[in-house]
PDB file of N, CA and C in Angstrom:
ATOM      1  N   MET A   1     -77.641 -48.735 -25.621  1.00  0.00           N
ATOM      2  CA  MET A   1     -77.097 -48.795 -24.288  1.00  0.00           C
ATOM      3  C   MET A   1     -77.509 -47.536 -23.528  1.00  0.00           C
ATOM      4  N   ARG A   2     -77.950 -47.698 -22.290  1.00  0.00           N
ATOM      5  CA  ARG A   2     -78.381 -46.567 -21.475  1.00  0.00           C
ATOM      6  C   ARG A   2     -77.187 -45.858 -20.878  1.00  0.00           C
ATOM      7  N   LYS A   3     -77.328 -44.538 -20.764  1.00  0.00           N
ATOM      8  CA  LYS A   3     -76.291 -43.758 -20.106  1.00  0.00           C
ATOM      9  C   LYS A   3     -76.509 -43.830 -18.603  1.00  0.00           C
ATOM     10  N   LYS A   4     -75.402 -43.857 -17.854  1.00  0.00           N
ATOM     11  CA  LYS A   4     -75.509 -43.831 -16.400  1.00  0.00           C
ATOM     12  C   LYS A   4     -75.818 -42.408 -15.953  1.00  0.00           C
ATOM     13  N   ARG A   5     -76.656 -42.296 -14.954  1.00  0.00           N
ATOM     14  CA  ARG A   5     -76.965 -40.986 -14.399  1.00  0.00           C
ATOM     15  C   ARG A   5     -75.834 -40.587 -13.464  1.00  0.00           C
ATOM     16  N   ARG A   6     -75.316 -39.405 -13.644  1.00  0.00           N
ATOM     17  CA  ARG A   6     -74.185 -38.948 -12.850  1.00  0.00           C
ATOM     18  C   ARG A   6     -74.608 -38.623 -11.428  1.00  0.00           C
ATOM     19  N   GLY A   7     -73.775 -39.076 -10.478  1.00  0.00           N
ATOM     20  CA  GLY A   7     -73.986 -38.726  -9.090  1.00  0.00           C
ATOM     21  C   GLY A   7     -75.173 -39.378  -8.420  1.00  0.00           C
ATOM     22  N   ARG A   8     -75.817 -40.300  -9.085  1.00  0.00           N
ATOM     23  CA  ARG A   8     -76.980 -40.959  -8.499  1.00  0.00           C
ATOM     24  C   ARG A   8     -76.816 -42.461  -8.618  1.00  0.00           C
ATOM     25  N   SER A   9     -77.382 -43.152  -7.671  1.00  0.00           N
ATOM     26  CA  SER A   9     -77.356 -44.607  -7.730  1.00  0.00           C
ATOM     27  C   SER A   9     -78.259 -45.080  -8.851  1.00  0.00           C
ATOM     28  N   PRO A  10     -77.947 -46.229  -9.428  1.00  0.00           N
ATOM     29  CA  PRO A  10     -78.859 -46.752 -10.446  1.00  0.00           C
ATOM     30  C   PRO A  10     -80.213 -47.068  -9.817  1.00  0.00           C
ATOM     31  N   ARG A  11     -81.247 -46.979 -10.605  1.00  0.00           N
ATOM     32  CA  ARG A  11     -82.584 -47.309 -10.100  1.00  0.00           C
ATOM     33  C   ARG A  11     -82.618 -48.773  -9.689  1.00  0.00           C
ATOM     34  N   PRO A  12     -83.212 -49.048  -8.537  1.00  0.00           N
ATOM     35  CA  PRO A  12     -83.290 -50.450  -8.127  1.00  0.00           C
ATOM     36  C   PRO A  12     -84.375 -51.181  -8.921  1.00  0.00           C
ATOM     37  N   PHE A  13     -84.111 -52.425  -9.218  1.00  0.00           N
ATOM     38  CA  PHE A  13     -85.084 -53.293  -9.873  1.00  0.00           C
ATOM     39  C   PHE A  13     -85.301 -54.497  -8.981  1.00  0.00           C
ATOM     40  N   VAL A  14     -86.519 -54.912  -8.833  1.00  0.00           N
ATOM     41  CA  VAL A  14     -86.820 -56.120  -8.069  1.00  0.00           C
ATOM     42  C   VAL A  14     -87.799 -56.973  -8.869  1.00  0.00           C
ATOM     43  N   ARG A  15     -87.702 -58.263  -8.654  1.00  0.00           N
ATOM     44  CA  ARG A  15     -88.660 -59.174  -9.290  1.00  0.00           C
ATOM     45  C   ARG A  15     -89.961 -59.119  -8.521  1.00  0.00           C
ATOM     46  N   VAL A  16     -91.051 -59.129  -9.255  1.00  0.00           N
ATOM     47  CA  VAL A  16     -92.374 -59.159  -8.629  1.00  0.00           C
ATOM     48  C   VAL A  16     -93.153 -60.308  -9.252  1.00  0.00           C
ATOM     49  N   GLN A  17     -93.766 -61.107  -8.400  1.00  0.00           N
ATOM     50  CA  GLN A  17     -94.622 -62.196  -8.870  1.00  0.00           C
ATOM     51  C   GLN A  17     -96.064 -61.841  -8.546  1.00  0.00           C
ATOM     52  N   TYR A  18     -96.936 -62.069  -9.515  1.00  0.00           N
ATOM     53  CA  TYR A  18     -98.360 -61.784  -9.335  1.00  0.00           C
ATOM     54  C   TYR A  18     -99.140 -63.089  -9.423  1.00  0.00           C
ATOM     55  N   ARG A  19    -100.166 -63.199  -8.579  1.00  0.00           N
ATOM     56  CA  ARG A  19    -101.078 -64.340  -8.670  1.00  0.00           C
ATOM     57  C   ARG A  19    -102.444 -63.891  -8.173  1.00  0.00           C
ATOM     58  N   LYS A  20    -103.434 -64.601  -8.610  1.00  0.00           N
ATOM     59  CA  LYS A  20    -104.796 -64.283  -8.203  1.00  0.00           C
ATOM     60  C   LYS A  20    -105.114 -65.038  -6.920  1.00  0.00           C
ATOM     61  N   GLY A  21    -105.584 -64.322  -5.921  1.00  0.00           N
ATOM     62  CA  GLY A  21    -105.958 -64.930  -4.655  1.00  0.00           C
ATOM     63  C   GLY A  21    -107.330 -65.587  -4.734  1.00  0.00           C
ATOM     64  N   GLU A  22    -107.641 -66.345  -3.715  1.00  0.00           N
ATOM     65  CA  GLU A  22    -108.935 -67.037  -3.673  1.00  0.00           C
ATOM     66  C   GLU A  22    -110.107 -66.064  -3.681  1.00  0.00           C
ATOM     67  N   ASP A  23    -109.868 -64.861  -3.163  1.00  0.00           N
ATOM     68  CA  ASP A  23    -110.926 -63.855  -3.104  1.00  0.00           C
ATOM     69  C   ASP A  23    -111.011 -63.014  -4.382  1.00  0.00           C
ATOM     70  N   GLY A  24    -110.151 -63.338  -5.391  1.00  0.00           N
ATOM     71  CA  GLY A  24    -110.173 -62.626  -6.655  1.00  0.00           C
ATOM     72  C   GLY A  24    -109.214 -61.443  -6.722  1.00  0.00           C
ATOM     73  N   TRP A  25    -108.630 -61.054  -5.595  1.00  0.00           N
ATOM     74  CA  TRP A  25    -107.671 -59.956  -5.588  1.00  0.00           C
ATOM     75  C   TRP A  25    -106.356 -60.442  -6.188  1.00  0.00           C
ATOM     76  N   ILE A  26    -105.574 -59.517  -6.731  1.00  0.00           N
ATOM     77  CA  ILE A  26    -104.256 -59.823  -7.279  1.00  0.00           C
ATOM     78  C   ILE A  26    -103.228 -59.646  -6.161  1.00  0.00           C
ATOM     79  N   ILE A  27    -102.473 -60.690  -5.889  1.00  0.00           N
ATOM     80  CA  ILE A  27    -101.431 -60.655  -4.866  1.00  0.00           C
ATOM     81  C   ILE A  27    -100.100 -60.417  -5.557  1.00  0.00           C
ATOM     82  N   ALA A  28     -99.340 -59.463  -5.045  1.00  0.00           N
ATOM     83  CA  ALA A  28     -98.022 -59.121  -5.591  1.00  0.00           C
ATOM     84  C   ALA A  28     -96.982 -59.404  -4.514  1.00  0.00           C
ATOM     85  N   GLU A  29     -95.937 -60.113  -4.893  1.00  0.00           N
ATOM     86  CA  GLU A  29     -94.918 -60.495  -3.925  1.00  0.00           C
ATOM     87  C   GLU A  29     -93.527 -60.326  -4.526  1.00  0.00           C
ATOM     88  N   CYS A  30     -92.597 -59.817  -3.721  1.00  0.00           N
ATOM     89  CA  CYS A  30     -91.190 -59.686  -4.131  1.00  0.00           C
ATOM     90  C   CYS A  30     -90.398 -60.777  -3.425  1.00  0.00           C
ATOM     91  N   PRO A  31     -90.095 -61.864  -4.117  1.00  0.00           N
ATOM     92  CA  PRO A  31     -89.412 -62.981  -3.455  1.00  0.00           C
ATOM     93  C   PRO A  31     -88.017 -62.626  -2.946  1.00  0.00           C
ATOM     94  N   ASP A  32     -87.389 -61.589  -3.488  1.00  0.00           N
ATOM     95  CA  ASP A  32     -86.050 -61.205  -3.055  1.00  0.00           C
ATOM     96  C   ASP A  32     -86.056 -60.293  -1.830  1.00  0.00           C
ATOM     97  N   LEU A  33     -87.241 -59.809  -1.440  1.00  0.00           N
ATOM     98  CA  LEU A  33     -87.377 -58.936  -0.274  1.00  0.00           C
ATOM     99  C   LEU A  33     -88.322 -59.623   0.715  1.00  0.00           C
ATOM    100  N   PRO A  34     -87.786 -60.363   1.674  1.00  0.00           N
ATOM    101  CA  PRO A  34     -88.633 -61.143   2.585  1.00  0.00           C
ATOM    102  C   PRO A  34     -89.731 -60.313   3.238  1.00  0.00           C
ATOM    103  N   GLY A  35     -90.961 -60.797   3.124  1.00  0.00           N
ATOM    104  CA  GLY A  35     -92.102 -60.135   3.735  1.00  0.00           C
ATOM    105  C   GLY A  35     -92.688 -58.994   2.928  1.00  0.00           C
ATOM    106  N   CYS A  36     -92.140 -58.715   1.766  1.00  0.00           N
ATOM    107  CA  CYS A  36     -92.643 -57.609   0.938  1.00  0.00           C
ATOM    108  C   CYS A  36     -93.750 -58.129   0.030  1.00  0.00           C
ATOM    109  N   VAL A  37     -94.977 -57.934   0.482  1.00  0.00           N
ATOM    110  CA  VAL A  37     -96.159 -58.446  -0.208  1.00  0.00           C
ATOM    111  C   VAL A  37     -97.223 -57.360  -0.200  1.00  0.00           C
ATOM    112  N   SER A  38     -98.013 -57.294  -1.255  1.00  0.00           N
ATOM    113  CA  SER A  38     -99.140 -56.373  -1.304  1.00  0.00           C
ATOM    114  C   SER A  38    -100.225 -56.994  -2.176  1.00  0.00           C
ATOM    115  N   GLN A  39    -101.278 -56.245  -2.404  1.00  0.00           N
ATOM    116  CA  GLN A  39    -102.371 -56.754  -3.233  1.00  0.00           C
ATOM    117  C   GLN A  39    -103.155 -55.599  -3.820  1.00  0.00           C
ATOM    118  N   GLY A  40    -104.044 -55.910  -4.727  1.00  0.00           N
ATOM    119  CA  GLY A  40    -104.923 -54.912  -5.316  1.00  0.00           C
ATOM    120  C   GLY A  40    -106.097 -55.592  -5.990  1.00  0.00           C
ATOM    121  N   ARG A  41    -107.154 -54.842  -6.206  1.00  0.00           N
ATOM    122  CA  ARG A  41    -108.327 -55.401  -6.893  1.00  0.00           C
ATOM    123  C   ARG A  41    -108.034 -55.669  -8.361  1.00  0.00           C
ATOM    124  N   THR A  42    -107.130 -54.855  -8.937  1.00  0.00           N
ATOM    125  CA  THR A  42    -106.739 -55.008 -10.341  1.00  0.00           C
ATOM    126  C   THR A  42    -105.220 -55.122 -10.408  1.00  0.00           C
ATOM    127  N   LEU A  43    -104.702 -55.537 -11.560  1.00  0.00           N
ATOM    128  CA  LEU A  43    -103.261 -55.627 -11.741  1.00  0.00           C
ATOM    129  C   LEU A  43    -102.620 -54.247 -11.594  1.00  0.00           C
ATOM    130  N   SER A  44    -103.261 -53.232 -12.144  1.00  0.00           N
ATOM    131  CA  SER A  44    -102.745 -51.871 -12.038  1.00  0.00           C
ATOM    132  C   SER A  44    -102.649 -51.427 -10.579  1.00  0.00           C
ATOM    133  N   GLU A  45    -103.671 -51.711  -9.810  1.00  0.00           N
ATOM    134  CA  GLU A  45    -103.672 -51.343  -8.391  1.00  0.00           C
ATOM    135  C   GLU A  45    -102.619 -52.142  -7.632  1.00  0.00           C
ATOM    136  N   ALA A  46    -102.484 -53.423  -7.955  1.00  0.00           N
ATOM    137  CA  ALA A  46    -101.474 -54.260  -7.303  1.00  0.00           C
ATOM    138  C   ALA A  46    -100.065 -53.751  -7.618  1.00  0.00           C
ATOM    139  N   ARG A  47     -99.832 -53.317  -8.851  1.00  0.00           N
ATOM    140  CA  ARG A  47     -98.517 -52.762  -9.232  1.00  0.00           C
ATOM    141  C   ARG A  47     -98.199 -51.508  -8.422  1.00  0.00           C
ATOM    142  N   LYS A  48     -99.167 -50.618  -8.295  1.00  0.00           N
ATOM    143  CA  LYS A  48     -98.950 -49.397  -7.521  1.00  0.00           C
ATOM    144  C   LYS A  48     -98.682 -49.737  -6.061  1.00  0.00           C
ATOM    145  N   ASN A  49     -99.464 -50.647  -5.518  1.00  0.00           N
ATOM    146  CA  ASN A  49     -99.319 -50.994  -4.107  1.00  0.00           C
ATOM    147  C   ASN A  49     -97.992 -51.690  -3.822  1.00  0.00           C
ATOM    148  N   ILE A  50     -97.536 -52.572  -4.724  1.00  0.00           N
ATOM    149  CA  ILE A  50     -96.268 -53.258  -4.473  1.00  0.00           C
ATOM    150  C   ILE A  50     -95.105 -52.284  -4.628  1.00  0.00           C
ATOM    151  N   ALA A  51     -95.227 -51.306  -5.529  1.00  0.00           N
ATOM    152  CA  ALA A  51     -94.178 -50.291  -5.652  1.00  0.00           C
ATOM    153  C   ALA A  51     -94.044 -49.513  -4.338  1.00  0.00           C
ATOM    154  N   ASP A  52     -95.178 -49.153  -3.739  1.00  0.00           N
ATOM    155  CA  ASP A  52     -95.164 -48.472  -2.438  1.00  0.00           C
ATOM    156  C   ASP A  52     -94.546 -49.371  -1.363  1.00  0.00           C
ATOM    157  N   ALA A  53     -94.898 -50.658  -1.396  1.00  0.00           N
ATOM    158  CA  ALA A  53     -94.372 -51.611  -0.409  1.00  0.00           C
ATOM    159  C   ALA A  53     -92.860 -51.770  -0.552  1.00  0.00           C
ATOM    160  N   VAL A  54     -92.365 -51.844  -1.783  1.00  0.00           N
ATOM    161  CA  VAL A  54     -90.921 -51.973  -2.017  1.00  0.00           C
ATOM    162  C   VAL A  54     -90.198 -50.735  -1.498  1.00  0.00           C
ATOM    163  N   GLU A  55     -90.717 -49.549  -1.809  1.00  0.00           N
ATOM    164  CA  GLU A  55     -90.093 -48.317  -1.313  1.00  0.00           C
ATOM    165  C   GLU A  55     -90.040 -48.313   0.204  1.00  0.00           C
ATOM    166  N   GLY A  56     -91.127 -48.716   0.842  1.00  0.00           N
ATOM    167  CA  GLY A  56     -91.165 -48.774   2.299  1.00  0.00           C
ATOM    168  C   GLY A  56     -90.195 -49.795   2.861  1.00  0.00           C
ATOM    169  N   TRP A  57     -90.133 -50.957   2.223  1.00  0.00           N
ATOM    170  CA  TRP A  57     -89.222 -52.025   2.660  1.00  0.00           C
ATOM    171  C   TRP A  57     -87.786 -51.527   2.606  1.00  0.00           C
ATOM    172  N   LEU A  58     -87.404 -50.902   1.498  1.00  0.00           N
ATOM    173  CA  LEU A  58     -86.039 -50.411   1.337  1.00  0.00           C
ATOM    174  C   LEU A  58     -85.743 -49.274   2.327  1.00  0.00           C
ATOM    175  N   ARG A  59     -86.710 -48.378   2.538  1.00  0.00           N
ATOM    176  CA  ARG A  59     -86.523 -47.259   3.469  1.00  0.00           C
ATOM    177  C   ARG A  59     -86.306 -47.770   4.896  1.00  0.00           C
ATOM    178  N   VAL A  60     -87.118 -48.711   5.334  1.00  0.00           N
ATOM    179  CA  VAL A  60     -86.985 -49.260   6.690  1.00  0.00           C
ATOM    180  C   VAL A  60     -85.627 -49.927   6.866  1.00  0.00           C
ATOM    181  N   HIS A  61     -85.219 -50.715   5.895  1.00  0.00           N
ATOM    182  CA  HIS A  61     -83.920 -51.382   6.000  1.00  0.00           C
ATOM    183  C   HIS A  61     -82.779 -50.370   6.044  1.00  0.00           C
ATOM    184  N   ARG A  62     -82.881 -49.321   5.238  1.00  0.00           N
ATOM    185  CA  ARG A  62     -81.852 -48.272   5.257  1.00  0.00           C
ATOM    186  C   ARG A  62     -81.842 -47.561   6.603  1.00  0.00           C
ATOM    187  N   ASP A  63     -83.026 -47.194   7.099  1.00  0.00           N
ATOM    188  CA  ASP A  63     -83.119 -46.458   8.363  1.00  0.00           C
ATOM    189  C   ASP A  63     -82.612 -47.279   9.546  1.00  0.00           C
ATOM    190  N   LEU A  64     -82.784 -48.584   9.501  1.00  0.00           N
ATOM    191  CA  LEU A  64     -82.316 -49.462  10.578  1.00  0.00           C
ATOM    192  C   LEU A  64     -80.862 -49.880  10.398  1.00  0.00           C
ATOM    193  N   GLY A  65     -80.251 -49.447   9.313  1.00  0.00           N
ATOM    194  CA  GLY A  65     -78.855 -49.800   9.062  1.00  0.00           C
ATOM    195  C   GLY A  65     -78.665 -51.227   8.580  1.00  0.00           C
ATOM    196  N   LEU A  66     -79.746 -51.833   8.108  1.00  0.00           N
ATOM    197  CA  LEU A  66     -79.666 -53.201   7.594  1.00  0.00           C
ATOM    198  C   LEU A  66     -79.268 -53.179   6.123  1.00  0.00           C
ATOM    199  N   THR A  67     -78.634 -54.219   5.694  1.00  0.00           N
ATOM    200  CA  THR A  67     -78.272 -54.279   4.286  1.00  0.00           C
ATOM    201  C   THR A  67     -79.436 -54.834   3.482  1.00  0.00           C
ATOM    202  N   ALA A  68     -79.693 -54.194   2.387  1.00  0.00           N
ATOM    203  CA  ALA A  68     -80.724 -54.655   1.456  1.00  0.00           C
ATOM    204  C   ALA A  68     -80.005 -55.309   0.283  1.00  0.00           C
ATOM    205  N   PRO A  69     -80.650 -56.247  -0.370  1.00  0.00           N
ATOM    206  CA  PRO A  69     -80.016 -56.878  -1.519  1.00  0.00           C
ATOM    207  C   PRO A  69     -79.707 -55.861  -2.615  1.00  0.00           C
ATOM    208  N   VAL A  70     -78.649 -56.120  -3.331  1.00  0.00           N
ATOM    209  CA  VAL A  70     -78.268 -55.268  -4.460  1.00  0.00           C
ATOM    210  C   VAL A  70     -78.582 -56.028  -5.735  1.00  0.00           C
ATOM    211  N   PHE A  71     -79.277 -55.362  -6.639  1.00  0.00           N
ATOM    212  CA  PHE A  71     -79.663 -55.981  -7.893  1.00  0.00           C
ATOM    213  C   PHE A  71     -78.999 -55.251  -9.039  1.00  0.00           C
ATOM    214  N   GLU A  72     -78.716 -55.978 -10.064  1.00  0.00           N
ATOM    215  CA  GLU A  72     -78.090 -55.388 -11.233  1.00  0.00           C
ATOM    216  C   GLU A  72     -78.672 -56.037 -12.473  1.00  0.00           C
ATOM    217  N   LEU A  73     -78.958 -55.226 -13.458  1.00  0.00           N
ATOM    218  CA  LEU A  73     -79.374 -55.748 -14.752  1.00  0.00           C
ATOM    219  C   LEU A  73     -78.137 -55.866 -15.610  1.00  0.00           C
ATOM    220  N   ILE A  74     -77.963 -57.007 -16.212  1.00  0.00           N
ATOM    221  CA  ILE A  74     -76.830 -57.184 -17.118  1.00  0.00           C
ATOM    222  C   ILE A  74     -77.350 -57.517 -18.486  1.00  0.00           C
ATOM    223  N   GLU A  75     -76.591 -57.171 -19.476  1.00  0.00           N
ATOM    224  CA  GLU A  75     -76.979 -57.438 -20.862  1.00  0.00           C
ATOM    225  C   GLU A  75     -76.309 -58.727 -21.298  1.00  0.00           C
ATOM    226  N   VAL A  76     -77.078 -59.627 -21.846  1.00  0.00           N
ATOM    227  CA  VAL A  76     -76.524 -60.870 -22.370  1.00  0.00           C
ATOM    228  C   VAL A  76     -76.828 -60.954 -23.861  1.00  0.00           C
ATOM    229  N   SER A  77     -75.939 -61.614 -24.544  1.00  0.00           N
ATOM    230  CA  SER A  77     -76.158 -61.726 -25.993  1.00  0.00           C
ATOM    231  C   SER A  77     -76.457 -63.146 -26.380  1.00  0.00           C
TER     232      SER A  77
END
């Protein structure tokens, strides 16, 4: 079991879906964050780019006072 970090919010987790585009690029999309899409020539590049896109999406929503979805990981047995 992981320890909670004191005084800090838990790290956000979002689902990311990857697919290969017609042009061969990898498309990365977060279905839980409307409009949060990125791409890369490789899976590694797509992962980096979507991480940047998610951070930007969350920052813009926070700065505009909009509510962003809250995600939680739960343990099931």
